[in-house]
Amino acid sequence: MESIRKILQLWDFPPTYFAYGTRDPFVGEFEECIQALEEAGVSVESHVLEGMPHGFGAEGGWIEGYDQWLGSIFAEG
């Protein structure tokens, strides 16, 4: 994990958005990645969707939040 943080600090890593479900088998990996990005100073927005599996597509009501987040990123310039 420490090597990942060092790499992220060297990059100009963009703001990052995560949407994942609590039934996704990769929940732990999402959480580790989010933690590493935040510790490297990267702006992270995450939405955890209760009961959703991996590959939920447009279900779960996450698209509106993503659209608002993306709009705010572009507004910041």
N, C-alpha and C. Protein backbone atom coordinates (compact mmCIF):
# COMPACT_ATOMS: atom_id res chain seq x y z
N MET A 1 0.83 -1.19 0.00
CA MET A 1 0.00 0.00 0.00
C MET A 1 0.87 1.26 0.00
N GLU A 2 1.96 1.25 0.72
CA GLU A 2 2.85 2.41 0.78
C GLU A 2 3.40 2.75 -0.60
N SER A 3 3.77 1.75 -1.38
CA SER A 3 4.30 2.02 -2.72
C SER A 3 3.24 2.64 -3.63
N ILE A 4 1.99 2.23 -3.45
CA ILE A 4 0.90 2.81 -4.23
C ILE A 4 0.76 4.29 -3.89
N ARG A 5 0.81 4.62 -2.60
CA ARG A 5 0.70 6.02 -2.18
C ARG A 5 1.81 6.87 -2.79
N LYS A 6 3.02 6.35 -2.79
CA LYS A 6 4.16 7.10 -3.34
C LYS A 6 3.96 7.35 -4.83
N ILE A 7 3.50 6.35 -5.55
CA ILE A 7 3.25 6.51 -6.99
C ILE A 7 2.17 7.55 -7.23
N LEU A 8 1.09 7.49 -6.46
CA LEU A 8 0.00 8.44 -6.64
C LEU A 8 0.44 9.86 -6.36
N GLN A 9 1.33 10.04 -5.39
CA GLN A 9 1.80 11.38 -5.06
C GLN A 9 2.66 11.96 -6.19
N LEU A 10 3.30 11.11 -6.96
CA LEU A 10 4.13 11.58 -8.06
C LEU A 10 3.30 11.98 -9.28
N TRP A 11 2.14 11.39 -9.43
CA TRP A 11 1.29 11.68 -10.57
C TRP A 11 0.41 12.89 -10.28
N ASP A 12 -0.04 13.51 -11.33
CA ASP A 12 -1.06 14.54 -11.21
C ASP A 12 -2.40 13.81 -11.36
N PHE A 13 -2.75 13.03 -10.34
CA PHE A 13 -3.92 12.16 -10.42
C PHE A 13 -5.20 12.99 -10.37
N PRO A 14 -6.14 12.75 -11.27
CA PRO A 14 -7.37 13.56 -11.33
C PRO A 14 -8.34 13.21 -10.20
N PRO A 15 -9.28 14.10 -9.93
CA PRO A 15 -10.35 13.76 -8.99
C PRO A 15 -11.01 12.46 -9.46
N THR A 16 -11.40 11.64 -8.50
CA THR A 16 -11.86 10.29 -8.83
C THR A 16 -13.20 9.99 -8.17
N TYR A 17 -14.08 9.35 -8.90
CA TYR A 17 -15.43 9.01 -8.44
C TYR A 17 -15.58 7.49 -8.40
N PHE A 18 -16.10 6.98 -7.29
CA PHE A 18 -16.38 5.55 -7.15
C PHE A 18 -17.86 5.36 -6.83
N ALA A 19 -18.48 4.40 -7.47
CA ALA A 19 -19.83 3.95 -7.12
C ALA A 19 -19.76 2.43 -7.13
N TYR A 20 -20.02 1.84 -5.98
CA TYR A 20 -19.95 0.38 -5.88
C TYR A 20 -20.99 -0.11 -4.88
N GLY A 21 -21.38 -1.36 -5.06
CA GLY A 21 -22.40 -1.94 -4.21
C GLY A 21 -21.83 -2.72 -3.04
N THR A 22 -22.62 -2.83 -1.98
CA THR A 22 -22.18 -3.57 -0.79
C THR A 22 -22.07 -5.07 -1.05
N ARG A 23 -22.68 -5.57 -2.12
CA ARG A 23 -22.58 -6.99 -2.47
C ARG A 23 -21.52 -7.25 -3.53
N ASP A 24 -20.76 -6.24 -3.88
CA ASP A 24 -19.67 -6.39 -4.86
C ASP A 24 -18.54 -7.18 -4.19
N PRO A 25 -18.02 -8.22 -4.85
CA PRO A 25 -16.93 -8.99 -4.24
C PRO A 25 -15.63 -8.18 -4.10
N PHE A 26 -15.58 -7.00 -4.71
CA PHE A 26 -14.37 -6.18 -4.65
C PHE A 26 -14.49 -4.98 -3.70
N VAL A 27 -15.43 -5.03 -2.76
CA VAL A 27 -15.62 -3.93 -1.82
C VAL A 27 -14.31 -3.57 -1.13
N GLY A 28 -13.58 -4.56 -0.66
CA GLY A 28 -12.31 -4.30 0.03
C GLY A 28 -11.31 -3.58 -0.85
N GLU A 29 -11.24 -3.96 -2.10
CA GLU A 29 -10.32 -3.31 -3.03
C GLU A 29 -10.73 -1.87 -3.30
N PHE A 30 -12.03 -1.63 -3.43
CA PHE A 30 -12.50 -0.25 -3.60
C PHE A 30 -12.07 0.59 -2.40
N GLU A 31 -12.30 0.07 -1.20
CA GLU A 31 -12.00 0.82 0.02
C GLU A 31 -10.50 1.07 0.16
N GLU A 32 -9.67 0.10 -0.19
CA GLU A 32 -8.22 0.30 -0.14
C GLU A 32 -7.77 1.36 -1.14
N CYS A 33 -8.34 1.33 -2.32
CA CYS A 33 -7.99 2.30 -3.36
C CYS A 33 -8.42 3.71 -2.93
N ILE A 34 -9.62 3.82 -2.40
CA ILE A 34 -10.11 5.12 -1.92
C ILE A 34 -9.19 5.66 -0.84
N GLN A 35 -8.82 4.82 0.11
CA GLN A 35 -7.93 5.24 1.19
C GLN A 35 -6.58 5.71 0.65
N ALA A 36 -6.00 4.94 -0.26
CA ALA A 36 -4.70 5.31 -0.83
C ALA A 36 -4.77 6.63 -1.58
N LEU A 37 -5.83 6.82 -2.35
CA LEU A 37 -6.00 8.07 -3.09
C LEU A 37 -6.13 9.25 -2.14
N GLU A 38 -6.97 9.10 -1.11
CA GLU A 38 -7.16 10.19 -0.15
C GLU A 38 -5.86 10.52 0.58
N GLU A 39 -5.11 9.49 0.97
CA GLU A 39 -3.85 9.72 1.67
C GLU A 39 -2.81 10.38 0.77
N ALA A 40 -2.97 10.21 -0.54
CA ALA A 40 -2.06 10.85 -1.49
C ALA A 40 -2.54 12.25 -1.86
N GLY A 41 -3.65 12.68 -1.26
CA GLY A 41 -4.15 14.03 -1.51
C GLY A 41 -5.06 14.17 -2.71
N VAL A 42 -5.52 13.04 -3.24
CA VAL A 42 -6.42 13.06 -4.40
C VAL A 42 -7.85 13.29 -3.92
N SER A 43 -8.58 14.13 -4.62
CA SER A 43 -9.99 14.36 -4.31
C SER A 43 -10.79 13.13 -4.74
N VAL A 44 -11.52 12.55 -3.78
CA VAL A 44 -12.28 11.32 -4.05
C VAL A 44 -13.73 11.51 -3.61
N GLU A 45 -14.63 11.10 -4.46
CA GLU A 45 -16.06 11.05 -4.13
C GLU A 45 -16.46 9.59 -4.26
N SER A 46 -17.15 9.05 -3.24
CA SER A 46 -17.57 7.66 -3.33
C SER A 46 -19.02 7.52 -2.88
N HIS A 47 -19.72 6.64 -3.56
CA HIS A 47 -21.10 6.33 -3.23
C HIS A 47 -21.21 4.81 -3.11
N VAL A 48 -21.59 4.36 -1.93
CA VAL A 48 -21.76 2.93 -1.68
C VAL A 48 -23.25 2.64 -1.75
N LEU A 49 -23.61 1.74 -2.64
CA LEU A 49 -25.01 1.43 -2.90
C LEU A 49 -25.41 0.15 -2.17
N GLU A 50 -26.27 0.30 -1.21
CA GLU A 50 -26.70 -0.81 -0.36
C GLU A 50 -27.34 -1.92 -1.17
N GLY A 51 -26.83 -3.14 -0.99
CA GLY A 51 -27.40 -4.32 -1.61
C GLY A 51 -27.09 -4.54 -3.08
N MET A 52 -26.33 -3.63 -3.69
CA MET A 52 -26.06 -3.77 -5.12
C MET A 52 -24.84 -4.67 -5.35
N PRO A 53 -24.91 -5.51 -6.39
CA PRO A 53 -23.79 -6.39 -6.74
C PRO A 53 -22.79 -5.67 -7.65
N HIS A 54 -21.79 -6.40 -8.07
CA HIS A 54 -20.84 -5.89 -9.06
C HIS A 54 -21.55 -5.78 -10.41
N GLY A 55 -21.24 -4.75 -11.17
CA GLY A 55 -21.82 -4.62 -12.51
C GLY A 55 -23.28 -4.23 -12.51
N PHE A 56 -23.66 -3.30 -11.65
CA PHE A 56 -25.06 -2.92 -11.52
C PHE A 56 -25.52 -1.95 -12.60
N GLY A 57 -24.61 -1.45 -13.42
CA GLY A 57 -24.98 -0.56 -14.53
C GLY A 57 -25.59 0.73 -14.05
N ALA A 58 -26.71 1.11 -14.65
CA ALA A 58 -27.36 2.39 -14.33
C ALA A 58 -28.31 2.28 -13.14
N GLU A 59 -28.42 1.11 -12.55
CA GLU A 59 -29.31 0.93 -11.41
C GLU A 59 -28.69 1.53 -10.15
N GLY A 60 -29.50 1.74 -9.14
CA GLY A 60 -29.00 2.16 -7.84
C GLY A 60 -29.03 3.65 -7.60
N GLY A 61 -29.43 4.44 -8.57
CA GLY A 61 -29.58 5.87 -8.37
C GLY A 61 -28.28 6.65 -8.24
N TRP A 62 -27.20 6.15 -8.78
CA TRP A 62 -25.91 6.82 -8.63
C TRP A 62 -25.63 7.84 -9.72
N ILE A 63 -26.33 7.78 -10.84
CA ILE A 63 -25.99 8.63 -11.99
C ILE A 63 -26.20 10.11 -11.69
N GLU A 64 -27.27 10.47 -11.00
CA GLU A 64 -27.51 11.88 -10.69
C GLU A 64 -26.38 12.44 -9.83
N GLY A 65 -25.94 11.69 -8.82
CA GLY A 65 -24.83 12.14 -7.98
C GLY A 65 -23.55 12.28 -8.78
N TYR A 66 -23.31 11.36 -9.69
CA TYR A 66 -22.12 11.44 -10.54
C TYR A 66 -22.18 12.67 -11.43
N ASP A 67 -23.35 12.93 -12.00
CA ASP A 67 -23.53 14.08 -12.88
C ASP A 67 -23.25 15.38 -12.12
N GLN A 68 -23.75 15.48 -10.90
CA GLN A 68 -23.50 16.67 -10.08
C GLN A 68 -22.02 16.81 -9.75
N TRP A 69 -21.39 15.69 -9.37
CA TRP A 69 -19.96 15.71 -9.04
C TRP A 69 -19.14 16.14 -10.26
N LEU A 70 -19.43 15.57 -11.41
CA LEU A 70 -18.68 15.89 -12.62
C LEU A 70 -18.87 17.37 -13.00
N GLY A 71 -20.09 17.86 -12.86
CA GLY A 71 -20.34 19.27 -13.12
C GLY A 71 -19.53 20.17 -12.21
N SER A 72 -19.41 19.79 -10.93
CA SER A 72 -18.63 20.60 -10.00
C SER A 72 -17.14 20.56 -10.33
N ILE A 73 -16.65 19.43 -10.82
CA ILE A 73 -15.24 19.31 -11.21
C ILE A 73 -14.94 20.26 -12.36
N PHE A 74 -15.81 20.27 -13.37
CA PHE A 74 -15.60 21.16 -14.52
C PHE A 74 -15.78 22.62 -14.15
N ALA A 75 -16.68 22.90 -13.20
CA ALA A 75 -16.90 24.28 -12.77
C ALA A 75 -15.67 24.84 -12.05
N GLU A 76 -14.92 23.95 -11.36
CA GLU A 76 -13.71 24.37 -10.66
C GLU A 76 -12.60 24.72 -11.64
N GLY A 77 -12.70 24.19 -12.84
CA GLY A 77 -11.74 24.50 -13.89
C GLY A 77 -10.50 23.73 -13.77
